[in-house]
């Protein structure tokens, strides 16, 4: 497991994540998301919706080098998810550090 997967799992266990396009959009609108991460194989429609919502509300959006299957596994989920939002929390600092290393 790499650092990003570990950080995402930690965020999930801490209750600092939201998954699913509509739920993420709602979290962004309610200012309950500080970062949105999309899987590399997420549908164009989902990515466009999330990117536009994030841009409008000033929330950082990144596409990560994980497939939906890898993102779901990192979050400890059995169903596939194409995106995850992270709330403003200490774990966000760790995720930002890891993302900077990967980019």
PDB file of N, CA and C in Angstrom:
ATOM      1  N   UNK A   1       0.854  -1.188   0.000  1.00  0.00           N
ATOM      2  CA  UNK A   1       0.000   0.000   0.000  1.00  0.00           C
ATOM      3  C   UNK A   1       0.891   1.241   0.000  1.00  0.00           C
ATOM      4  N   UNK A   2       0.564   2.190  -0.859  1.00  0.00           N
ATOM      5  CA  UNK A   2       1.361   3.413  -0.897  1.00  0.00           C
ATOM      6  C   UNK A   2       0.810   4.456   0.082  1.00  0.00           C
ATOM      7  N   UNK A   3       1.505   5.568   0.160  1.00  0.00           N
ATOM      8  CA  UNK A   3       1.145   6.601   1.151  1.00  0.00           C
ATOM      9  C   UNK A   3      -0.238   7.195   0.903  1.00  0.00           C
ATOM     10  N   UNK A   4      -0.596   7.410  -0.366  1.00  0.00           N
ATOM     11  CA  UNK A   4      -1.903   7.998  -0.665  1.00  0.00           C
ATOM     12  C   UNK A   4      -3.024   7.051  -0.242  1.00  0.00           C
ATOM     13  N   UNK A   5      -2.871   5.774  -0.551  1.00  0.00           N
ATOM     14  CA  UNK A   5      -3.885   4.792  -0.153  1.00  0.00           C
ATOM     15  C   UNK A   5      -4.021   4.754   1.366  1.00  0.00           C
ATOM     16  N   UNK A   6      -2.902   4.801   2.078  1.00  0.00           N
ATOM     17  CA  UNK A   6      -2.937   4.809   3.534  1.00  0.00           C
ATOM     18  C   UNK A   6      -3.626   6.046   4.084  1.00  0.00           C
ATOM     19  N   UNK A   7      -3.326   7.201   3.480  1.00  0.00           N
ATOM     20  CA  UNK A   7      -3.943   8.454   3.933  1.00  0.00           C
ATOM     21  C   UNK A   7      -5.447   8.464   3.651  1.00  0.00           C
ATOM     22  N   UNK A   8      -5.849   7.937   2.494  1.00  0.00           N
ATOM     23  CA  UNK A   8      -7.282   7.876   2.177  1.00  0.00           C
ATOM     24  C   UNK A   8      -8.011   6.929   3.119  1.00  0.00           C
ATOM     25  N   UNK A   9      -7.389   5.797   3.430  1.00  0.00           N
ATOM     26  CA  UNK A   9      -7.994   4.862   4.379  1.00  0.00           C
ATOM     27  C   UNK A   9      -8.144   5.475   5.754  1.00  0.00           C
ATOM     28  N   UNK A  10      -7.133   6.222   6.172  1.00  0.00           N
ATOM     29  CA  UNK A  10      -7.175   6.906   7.458  1.00  0.00           C
ATOM     30  C   UNK A  10      -8.301   7.946   7.487  1.00  0.00           C
ATOM     31  N   UNK A  11      -8.430   8.703   6.396  1.00  0.00           N
ATOM     32  CA  UNK A  11      -9.496   9.708   6.300  1.00  0.00           C
ATOM     33  C   UNK A  11     -10.869   9.044   6.367  1.00  0.00           C
ATOM     34  N   UNK A  12     -11.024   7.916   5.697  1.00  0.00           N
ATOM     35  CA  UNK A  12     -12.299   7.186   5.716  1.00  0.00           C
ATOM     36  C   UNK A  12     -12.626   6.711   7.136  1.00  0.00           C
ATOM     37  N   UNK A  13     -11.626   6.124   7.809  1.00  0.00           N
ATOM     38  CA  UNK A  13     -11.856   5.638   9.170  1.00  0.00           C
ATOM     39  C   UNK A  13     -12.150   6.773  10.145  1.00  0.00           C
ATOM     40  N   UNK A  14     -11.619   7.963   9.864  1.00  0.00           N
ATOM     41  CA  UNK A  14     -11.857   9.124  10.725  1.00  0.00           C
ATOM     42  C   UNK A  14     -13.183   9.814  10.409  1.00  0.00           C
ATOM     43  N   UNK A  15     -13.910   9.316   9.415  1.00  0.00           N
ATOM     44  CA  UNK A  15     -15.198   9.909   9.064  1.00  0.00           C
ATOM     45  C   UNK A  15     -15.063  11.230   8.334  1.00  0.00           C
ATOM     46  N   UNK A  16     -13.964  11.414   7.618  1.00  0.00           N
ATOM     47  CA  UNK A  16     -13.690  12.677   6.947  1.00  0.00           C
ATOM     48  C   UNK A  16     -13.862  12.612   5.435  1.00  0.00           C
ATOM     49  N   UNK A  17     -14.577  11.592   4.935  1.00  0.00           N
ATOM     50  CA  UNK A  17     -14.764  11.437   3.499  1.00  0.00           C
ATOM     51  C   UNK A  17     -16.236  11.374   3.126  1.00  0.00           C
ATOM     52  N   UNK A  18     -16.502  11.718   1.874  1.00  0.00           N
ATOM     53  CA  UNK A  18     -17.818  11.543   1.271  1.00  0.00           C
ATOM     54  C   UNK A  18     -17.564  10.957  -0.110  1.00  0.00           C
ATOM     55  N   UNK A  19     -18.349   9.958  -0.518  1.00  0.00           N
ATOM     56  CA  UNK A  19     -18.204   9.363  -1.838  1.00  0.00           C
ATOM     57  C   UNK A  19     -19.514   9.472  -2.606  1.00  0.00           C
ATOM     58  N   UNK A  20     -19.416   9.384  -3.922  1.00  0.00           N
ATOM     59  CA  UNK A  20     -20.588   9.490  -4.784  1.00  0.00           C
ATOM     60  C   UNK A  20     -20.729  10.911  -5.309  1.00  0.00           C
ATOM     61  N   UNK A  21     -20.900  11.036  -6.602  1.00  0.00           N
ATOM     62  CA  UNK A  21     -20.916  12.347  -7.258  1.00  0.00           C
ATOM     63  C   UNK A  21     -21.908  13.324  -6.634  1.00  0.00           C
ATOM     64  N   UNK A  22     -23.161  12.892  -6.477  1.00  0.00           N
ATOM     65  CA  UNK A  22     -24.185  13.802  -5.947  1.00  0.00           C
ATOM     66  C   UNK A  22     -23.910  14.194  -4.499  1.00  0.00           C
ATOM     67  N   UNK A  23     -23.483  13.220  -3.703  1.00  0.00           N
ATOM     68  CA  UNK A  23     -23.177  13.521  -2.296  1.00  0.00           C
ATOM     69  C   UNK A  23     -21.957  14.437  -2.171  1.00  0.00           C
ATOM     70  N   UNK A  24     -20.986  14.249  -3.041  1.00  0.00           N
ATOM     71  CA  UNK A  24     -19.812  15.129  -3.031  1.00  0.00           C
ATOM     72  C   UNK A  24     -20.215  16.542  -3.431  1.00  0.00           C
ATOM     73  N   UNK A  25     -21.038  16.670  -4.479  1.00  0.00           N
ATOM     74  CA  UNK A  25     -21.500  17.998  -4.885  1.00  0.00           C
ATOM     75  C   UNK A  25     -22.232  18.688  -3.739  1.00  0.00           C
ATOM     76  N   UNK A  26     -23.064  17.947  -3.035  1.00  0.00           N
ATOM     77  CA  UNK A  26     -23.783  18.509  -1.892  1.00  0.00           C
ATOM     78  C   UNK A  26     -22.806  18.941  -0.797  1.00  0.00           C
ATOM     79  N   UNK A  27     -21.797  18.118  -0.523  1.00  0.00           N
ATOM     80  CA  UNK A  27     -20.799  18.467   0.497  1.00  0.00           C
ATOM     81  C   UNK A  27     -20.034  19.728   0.096  1.00  0.00           C
ATOM     82  N   UNK A  28     -19.700  19.848  -1.175  1.00  0.00           N
ATOM     83  CA  UNK A  28     -18.988  21.044  -1.653  1.00  0.00           C
ATOM     84  C   UNK A  28     -19.876  22.270  -1.477  1.00  0.00           C
ATOM     85  N   UNK A  29     -21.135  22.163  -1.865  1.00  0.00           N
ATOM     86  CA  UNK A  29     -22.067  23.295  -1.740  1.00  0.00           C
ATOM     87  C   UNK A  29     -22.256  23.723  -0.285  1.00  0.00           C
ATOM     88  N   UNK A  30     -22.247  22.749   0.624  1.00  0.00           N
ATOM     89  CA  UNK A  30     -22.435  23.046   2.044  1.00  0.00           C
ATOM     90  C   UNK A  30     -21.120  23.379   2.754  1.00  0.00           C
ATOM     91  N   UNK A  31     -20.053  23.503   1.974  1.00  0.00           N
ATOM     92  CA  UNK A  31     -18.716  23.834   2.498  1.00  0.00           C
ATOM     93  C   UNK A  31     -18.220  22.763   3.475  1.00  0.00           C
ATOM     94  N   UNK A  32     -18.529  21.506   3.159  1.00  0.00           N
ATOM     95  CA  UNK A  32     -18.097  20.361   3.967  1.00  0.00           C
ATOM     96  C   UNK A  32     -17.009  19.562   3.260  1.00  0.00           C
ATOM     97  N   UNK A  33     -16.416  20.155   2.215  1.00  0.00           N
ATOM     98  CA  UNK A  33     -15.338  19.487   1.482  1.00  0.00           C
ATOM     99  C   UNK A  33     -14.236  20.491   1.197  1.00  0.00           C
ATOM    100  N   UNK A  34     -13.005  20.069   1.425  1.00  0.00           N
ATOM    101  CA  UNK A  34     -11.862  20.935   1.150  1.00  0.00           C
ATOM    102  C   UNK A  34     -11.067  20.446  -0.056  1.00  0.00           C
ATOM    103  N   UNK A  35     -11.268  19.190  -0.437  1.00  0.00           N
ATOM    104  CA  UNK A  35     -10.536  18.588  -1.547  1.00  0.00           C
ATOM    105  C   UNK A  35     -11.402  17.497  -2.155  1.00  0.00           C
ATOM    106  N   UNK A  36     -11.441  17.429  -3.482  1.00  0.00           N
ATOM    107  CA  UNK A  36     -12.153  16.373  -4.188  1.00  0.00           C
ATOM    108  C   UNK A  36     -11.154  15.656  -5.075  1.00  0.00           C
ATOM    109  N   UNK A  37     -11.123  14.330  -4.958  1.00  0.00           N
ATOM    110  CA  UNK A  37     -10.230  13.493  -5.745  1.00  0.00           C
ATOM    111  C   UNK A  37     -11.064  12.593  -6.641  1.00  0.00           C
ATOM    112  N   UNK A  38     -10.725  12.544  -7.939  1.00  0.00           N
ATOM    113  CA  UNK A  38     -11.437  11.693  -8.888  1.00  0.00           C
ATOM    114  C   UNK A  38     -10.501  10.615  -9.408  1.00  0.00           C
ATOM    115  N   UNK A  39     -11.039   9.433  -9.634  1.00  0.00           N
ATOM    116  CA  UNK A  39     -10.264   8.327 -10.193  1.00  0.00           C
ATOM    117  C   UNK A  39      -9.926   8.628 -11.655  1.00  0.00           C
ATOM    118  N   UNK A  40      -8.833   8.047 -12.119  1.00  0.00           N
ATOM    119  CA  UNK A  40      -8.383   8.296 -13.492  1.00  0.00           C
ATOM    120  C   UNK A  40      -9.364   7.760 -14.531  1.00  0.00           C
ATOM    121  N   UNK A  41     -10.168   6.768 -14.185  1.00  0.00           N
ATOM    122  CA  UNK A  41     -11.136   6.212 -15.127  1.00  0.00           C
ATOM    123  C   UNK A  41     -12.580   6.621 -14.814  1.00  0.00           C
ATOM    124  N   UNK A  42     -12.743   7.693 -14.060  1.00  0.00           N
ATOM    125  CA  UNK A  42     -14.092   8.214 -13.777  1.00  0.00           C
ATOM    126  C   UNK A  42     -14.702   8.722 -15.085  1.00  0.00           C
ATOM    127  N   UNK A  43     -16.008   8.638 -15.198  1.00  0.00           N
ATOM    128  CA  UNK A  43     -16.676   9.067 -16.431  1.00  0.00           C
ATOM    129  C   UNK A  43     -16.493  10.566 -16.657  1.00  0.00           C
ATOM    130  N   UNK A  44     -16.484  10.939 -17.924  1.00  0.00           N
ATOM    131  CA  UNK A  44     -16.328  12.358 -18.270  1.00  0.00           C
ATOM    132  C   UNK A  44     -17.429  13.206 -17.643  1.00  0.00           C
ATOM    133  N   UNK A  45     -18.647  12.664 -17.621  1.00  0.00           N
ATOM    134  CA  UNK A  45     -19.771  13.396 -17.051  1.00  0.00           C
ATOM    135  C   UNK A  45     -19.594  13.668 -15.569  1.00  0.00           C
ATOM    136  N   UNK A  46     -19.155  12.658 -14.832  1.00  0.00           N
ATOM    137  CA  UNK A  46     -18.938  12.831 -13.390  1.00  0.00           C
ATOM    138  C   UNK A  46     -17.816  13.827 -13.124  1.00  0.00           C
ATOM    139  N   UNK A  47     -16.731  13.682 -13.876  1.00  0.00           N
ATOM    140  CA  UNK A  47     -15.590  14.586 -13.696  1.00  0.00           C
ATOM    141  C   UNK A  47     -16.003  16.021 -13.996  1.00  0.00           C
ATOM    142  N   UNK A  48     -16.759  16.215 -15.074  1.00  0.00           N
ATOM    143  CA  UNK A  48     -17.192  17.564 -15.446  1.00  0.00           C
ATOM    144  C   UNK A  48     -18.080  18.178 -14.361  1.00  0.00           C
ATOM    145  N   UNK A  49     -19.044  17.392 -13.851  1.00  0.00           N
ATOM    146  CA  UNK A  49     -19.932  17.880 -12.786  1.00  0.00           C
ATOM    147  C   UNK A  49     -19.123  18.292 -11.555  1.00  0.00           C
ATOM    148  N   UNK A  50     -18.229  17.402 -11.130  1.00  0.00           N
ATOM    149  CA  UNK A  50     -17.454  17.677  -9.921  1.00  0.00           C
ATOM    150  C   UNK A  50     -16.498  18.848 -10.120  1.00  0.00           C
ATOM    151  N   UNK A  51     -15.827  18.868 -11.251  1.00  0.00           N
ATOM    152  CA  UNK A  51     -14.869  19.941 -11.521  1.00  0.00           C
ATOM    153  C   UNK A  51     -15.571  21.302 -11.555  1.00  0.00           C
ATOM    154  N   UNK A  52     -16.739  21.369 -12.221  1.00  0.00           N
ATOM    155  CA  UNK A  52     -17.486  22.627 -12.299  1.00  0.00           C
ATOM    156  C   UNK A  52     -17.969  23.077 -10.925  1.00  0.00           C
ATOM    157  N   UNK A  53     -18.490  22.143 -10.137  1.00  0.00           N
ATOM    158  CA  UNK A  53     -18.963  22.475  -8.789  1.00  0.00           C
ATOM    159  C   UNK A  53     -17.809  22.968  -7.926  1.00  0.00           C
ATOM    160  N   UNK A  54     -16.681  22.256  -7.996  1.00  0.00           N
ATOM    161  CA  UNK A  54     -15.509  22.648  -7.202  1.00  0.00           C
ATOM    162  C   UNK A  54     -14.998  24.024  -7.616  1.00  0.00           C
ATOM    163  N   UNK A  55     -14.950  24.249  -8.914  1.00  0.00           N
ATOM    164  CA  UNK A  55     -14.468  25.546  -9.402  1.00  0.00           C
ATOM    165  C   UNK A  55     -15.383  26.680  -8.925  1.00  0.00           C
ATOM    166  N   UNK A  56     -16.683  26.471  -9.006  1.00  0.00           N
ATOM    167  CA  UNK A  56     -17.642  27.494  -8.596  1.00  0.00           C
ATOM    168  C   UNK A  56     -17.518  27.821  -7.110  1.00  0.00           C
ATOM    169  N   UNK A  57     -17.309  26.793  -6.286  1.00  0.00           N
ATOM    170  CA  UNK A  57     -17.263  26.981  -4.831  1.00  0.00           C
ATOM    171  C   UNK A  57     -15.839  27.110  -4.278  1.00  0.00           C
ATOM    172  N   UNK A  58     -14.842  27.118  -5.140  1.00  0.00           N
ATOM    173  CA  UNK A  58     -13.471  27.326  -4.698  1.00  0.00           C
ATOM    174  C   UNK A  58     -12.855  26.154  -3.943  1.00  0.00           C
ATOM    175  N   UNK A  59     -13.209  24.941  -4.336  1.00  0.00           N
ATOM    176  CA  UNK A  59     -12.669  23.737  -3.706  1.00  0.00           C
ATOM    177  C   UNK A  59     -11.669  23.093  -4.668  1.00  0.00           C
ATOM    178  N   UNK A  60     -10.557  22.664  -4.131  1.00  0.00           N
ATOM    179  CA  UNK A  60      -9.516  22.038  -4.953  1.00  0.00           C
ATOM    180  C   UNK A  60     -10.007  20.701  -5.510  1.00  0.00           C
ATOM    181  N   UNK A  61      -9.747  20.475  -6.802  1.00  0.00           N
ATOM    182  CA  UNK A  61     -10.129  19.244  -7.489  1.00  0.00           C
ATOM    183  C   UNK A  61      -8.885  18.644  -8.138  1.00  0.00           C
ATOM    184  N   UNK A  62      -8.686  17.337  -7.952  1.00  0.00           N
ATOM    185  CA  UNK A  62      -7.540  16.641  -8.548  1.00  0.00           C
ATOM    186  C   UNK A  62      -7.999  15.299  -9.103  1.00  0.00           C
ATOM    187  N   UNK A  63      -7.423  14.924 -10.243  1.00  0.00           N
ATOM    188  CA  UNK A  63      -7.584  13.569 -10.747  1.00  0.00           C
ATOM    189  C   UNK A  63      -6.343  12.812 -10.305  1.00  0.00           C
ATOM    190  N   UNK A  64      -6.545  11.677  -9.664  1.00  0.00           N
ATOM    191  CA  UNK A  64      -5.422  10.917  -9.114  1.00  0.00           C
ATOM    192  C   UNK A  64      -5.138   9.688  -9.985  1.00  0.00           C
ATOM    193  N   UNK A  65      -3.931   9.154  -9.911  1.00  0.00           N
ATOM    194  CA  UNK A  65      -3.569   8.004 -10.753  1.00  0.00           C
ATOM    195  C   UNK A  65      -4.069   6.667 -10.197  1.00  0.00           C
ATOM    196  N   UNK A  66      -5.293   6.647  -9.712  1.00  0.00           N
ATOM    197  CA  UNK A  66      -5.943   5.429  -9.225  1.00  0.00           C
ATOM    198  C   UNK A  66      -7.160   5.166 -10.096  1.00  0.00           C
ATOM    199  N   UNK A  67      -7.421   3.911 -10.387  1.00  0.00           N
ATOM    200  CA  UNK A  67      -8.670   3.548 -11.046  1.00  0.00           C
ATOM    201  C   UNK A  67      -9.777   3.558  -9.993  1.00  0.00           C
ATOM    202  N   UNK A  68     -11.017   3.419 -10.442  1.00  0.00           N
ATOM    203  CA  UNK A  68     -12.137   3.354  -9.495  1.00  0.00           C
ATOM    204  C   UNK A  68     -11.956   2.178  -8.535  1.00  0.00           C
ATOM    205  N   UNK A  69     -11.475   1.078  -9.052  1.00  0.00           N
ATOM    206  CA  UNK A  69     -11.253  -0.111  -8.226  1.00  0.00           C
ATOM    207  C   UNK A  69     -10.180   0.151  -7.168  1.00  0.00           C
ATOM    208  N   UNK A  70      -9.087   0.797  -7.564  1.00  0.00           N
ATOM    209  CA  UNK A  70      -8.002   1.104  -6.626  1.00  0.00           C
ATOM    210  C   UNK A  70      -8.436   2.131  -5.584  1.00  0.00           C
ATOM    211  N   UNK A  71      -9.202   3.141  -6.016  1.00  0.00           N
ATOM    212  CA  UNK A  71      -9.696   4.155  -5.084  1.00  0.00           C
ATOM    213  C   UNK A  71     -10.638   3.509  -4.064  1.00  0.00           C
ATOM    214  N   UNK A  72     -11.522   2.657  -4.537  1.00  0.00           N
ATOM    215  CA  UNK A  72     -12.455   1.962  -3.644  1.00  0.00           C
ATOM    216  C   UNK A  72     -11.709   1.090  -2.641  1.00  0.00           C
ATOM    217  N   UNK A  73     -10.692   0.384  -3.115  1.00  0.00           N
ATOM    218  CA  UNK A  73      -9.896  -0.472  -2.228  1.00  0.00           C
ATOM    219  C   UNK A  73      -9.169   0.360  -1.178  1.00  0.00           C
ATOM    220  N   UNK A  74      -8.623   1.507  -1.582  1.00  0.00           N
ATOM    221  CA  UNK A  74      -7.922   2.384  -0.636  1.00  0.00           C
ATOM    222  C   UNK A  74      -8.853   2.878   0.461  1.00  0.00           C
ATOM    223  N   UNK A  75     -10.134   3.056   0.102  1.00  0.00           N
ATOM    224  CA  UNK A  75     -11.131   3.521   1.066  1.00  0.00           C
ATOM    225  C   UNK A  75     -11.771   2.371   1.843  1.00  0.00           C
ATOM    226  N   UNK A  76     -11.397   1.138   1.507  1.00  0.00           N
ATOM    227  CA  UNK A  76     -11.966  -0.018   2.186  1.00  0.00           C
ATOM    228  C   UNK A  76     -13.409  -0.278   1.809  1.00  0.00           C
ATOM    229  N   UNK A  77     -13.773   0.094   0.589  1.00  0.00           N
ATOM    230  CA  UNK A  77     -15.156  -0.061   0.127  1.00  0.00           C
ATOM    231  C   UNK A  77     -15.278  -1.271  -0.795  1.00  0.00           C
ATOM    232  N   UNK A  78     -16.415  -1.945  -0.740  1.00  0.00           N
ATOM    233  CA  UNK A  78     -16.642  -3.078  -1.633  1.00  0.00           C
ATOM    234  C   UNK A  78     -17.286  -2.639  -2.946  1.00  0.00           C
ATOM    235  N   UNK A  79     -18.022  -1.541  -2.932  1.00  0.00           N
ATOM    236  CA  UNK A  79     -18.607  -1.037  -4.187  1.00  0.00           C
ATOM    237  C   UNK A  79     -17.662  -0.009  -4.799  1.00  0.00           C
ATOM    238  N   UNK A  80     -17.726   0.125  -6.123  1.00  0.00           N
ATOM    239  CA  UNK A  80     -16.832   1.059  -6.813  1.00  0.00           C
ATOM    240  C   UNK A  80     -17.260   2.498  -6.568  1.00  0.00           C
ATOM    241  N   UNK A  81     -16.280   3.358  -6.461  1.00  0.00           N
ATOM    242  CA  UNK A  81     -16.543   4.793  -6.369  1.00  0.00           C
ATOM    243  C   UNK A  81     -15.571   5.503  -7.296  1.00  0.00           C
ATOM    244  N   UNK A  82     -16.056   6.540  -7.945  1.00  0.00           N
ATOM    245  CA  UNK A  82     -15.212   7.252  -8.899  1.00  0.00           C
ATOM    246  C   UNK A  82     -14.586   8.502  -8.296  1.00  0.00           C
ATOM    247  N   UNK A  83     -15.052   8.908  -7.118  1.00  0.00           N
ATOM    248  CA  UNK A  83     -14.515  10.127  -6.508  1.00  0.00           C
ATOM    249  C   UNK A  83     -14.727  10.107  -4.998  1.00  0.00           C
ATOM    250  N   UNK A  84     -13.944  10.931  -4.334  1.00  0.00           N
ATOM    251  CA  UNK A  84     -14.055  11.071  -2.879  1.00  0.00           C
ATOM    252  C   UNK A  84     -13.760  12.521  -2.522  1.00  0.00           C
ATOM    253  N   UNK A  85     -14.472  13.027  -1.535  1.00  0.00           N
ATOM    254  CA  UNK A  85     -14.144  14.364  -1.023  1.00  0.00           C
ATOM    255  C   UNK A  85     -13.581  14.193   0.384  1.00  0.00           C
ATOM    256  N   UNK A  86     -12.667  15.082   0.717  1.00  0.00           N
ATOM    257  CA  UNK A  86     -12.030  15.084   2.025  1.00  0.00           C
ATOM    258  C   UNK A  86     -12.429  16.381   2.719  1.00  0.00           C
ATOM    259  N   UNK A  87     -12.892  16.249   3.965  1.00  0.00           N
ATOM    260  CA  UNK A  87     -13.235  17.445   4.741  1.00  0.00           C
ATOM    261  C   UNK A  87     -11.978  18.145   5.211  1.00  0.00           C
ATOM    262  N   UNK A  88     -12.117  19.377   5.620  1.00  0.00           N
ATOM    263  CA  UNK A  88     -10.990  20.138   6.155  1.00  0.00           C
ATOM    264  C   UNK A  88     -10.619  19.531   7.503  1.00  0.00           C
ATOM    265  N   UNK A  89      -9.508  18.854   7.565  1.00  0.00           N
ATOM    266  CA  UNK A  89      -9.105  18.114   8.744  1.00  0.00           C
ATOM    267  C   UNK A  89      -7.593  17.935   8.695  1.00  0.00           C
ATOM    268  N   UNK A  90      -6.994  17.520   9.760  1.00  0.00           N
ATOM    269  CA  UNK A  90      -5.548  17.301   9.798  1.00  0.00           C
ATOM    270  C   UNK A  90      -5.091  16.290   8.744  1.00  0.00           C
ATOM    271  N   UNK A  91      -5.926  15.330   8.440  1.00  0.00           N
ATOM    272  CA  UNK A  91      -5.587  14.321   7.435  1.00  0.00           C
ATOM    273  C   UNK A  91      -5.394  14.975   6.070  1.00  0.00           C
ATOM    274  N   UNK A  92      -6.087  16.070   5.830  1.00  0.00           N
ATOM    275  CA  UNK A  92      -5.955  16.784   4.564  1.00  0.00           C
ATOM    276  C   UNK A  92      -4.516  17.225   4.335  1.00  0.00           C
ATOM    277  N   UNK A  93      -3.820  17.632   5.393  1.00  0.00           N
ATOM    278  CA  UNK A  93      -2.415  18.036   5.265  1.00  0.00           C
ATOM    279  C   UNK A  93      -1.565  16.872   4.766  1.00  0.00           C
ATOM    280  N   UNK A  94      -1.813  15.681   5.308  1.00  0.00           N
ATOM    281  CA  UNK A  94      -1.086  14.487   4.890  1.00  0.00           C
ATOM    282  C   UNK A  94      -1.369  14.163   3.426  1.00  0.00           C
ATOM    283  N   UNK A  95      -2.622  14.228   3.041  1.00  0.00           N
ATOM    284  CA  UNK A  95      -2.995  13.934   1.650  1.00  0.00           C
ATOM    285  C   UNK A  95      -2.365  14.944   0.704  1.00  0.00           C
ATOM    286  N   UNK A  96      -2.387  16.227   1.075  1.00  0.00           N
ATOM    287  CA  UNK A  96      -1.751  17.242   0.239  1.00  0.00           C
ATOM    288  C   UNK A  96      -0.265  16.981   0.075  1.00  0.00           C
ATOM    289  N   UNK A  97       0.413  16.588   1.141  1.00  0.00           N
ATOM    290  CA  UNK A  97       1.839  16.273   1.069  1.00  0.00           C
ATOM    291  C   UNK A  97       2.094  15.120   0.112  1.00  0.00           C
ATOM    292  N   UNK A  98       1.287  14.084   0.232  1.00  0.00           N
ATOM    293  CA  UNK A  98       1.447  12.904  -0.627  1.00  0.00           C
ATOM    294  C   UNK A  98       1.167  13.266  -2.074  1.00  0.00           C
ATOM    295  N   UNK A  99       0.129  14.069  -2.326  1.00  0.00           N
ATOM    296  CA  UNK A  99      -0.184  14.472  -3.695  1.00  0.00           C
ATOM    297  C   UNK A  99       0.937  15.283  -4.305  1.00  0.00           C
ATOM    298  N   UNK A 100       1.550  16.154  -3.523  1.00  0.00           N
ATOM    299  CA  UNK A 100       2.667  16.961  -4.026  1.00  0.00           C
ATOM    300  C   UNK A 100       3.844  16.080  -4.397  1.00  0.00           C
ATOM    301  N   UNK A 101       4.072  15.014  -3.631  1.00  0.00           N
ATOM    302  CA  UNK A 101       5.153  14.073  -3.935  1.00  0.00           C
ATOM    303  C   UNK A 101       4.881  13.320  -5.226  1.00  0.00           C
ATOM    304  N   UNK A 102       3.610  12.965  -5.473  1.00  0.00           N
ATOM    305  CA  UNK A 102       3.245  12.184  -6.663  1.00  0.00           C
ATOM    306  C   UNK A 102       3.243  13.030  -7.926  1.00  0.00           C
ATOM    307  N   UNK A 103       3.020  14.313  -7.801  1.00  0.00           N
ATOM    308  CA  UNK A 103       2.902  15.169  -8.985  1.00  0.00           C
ATOM    309  C   UNK A 103       4.222  15.609  -9.503  1.00  0.00           C
TER     310      UNK A 103
END
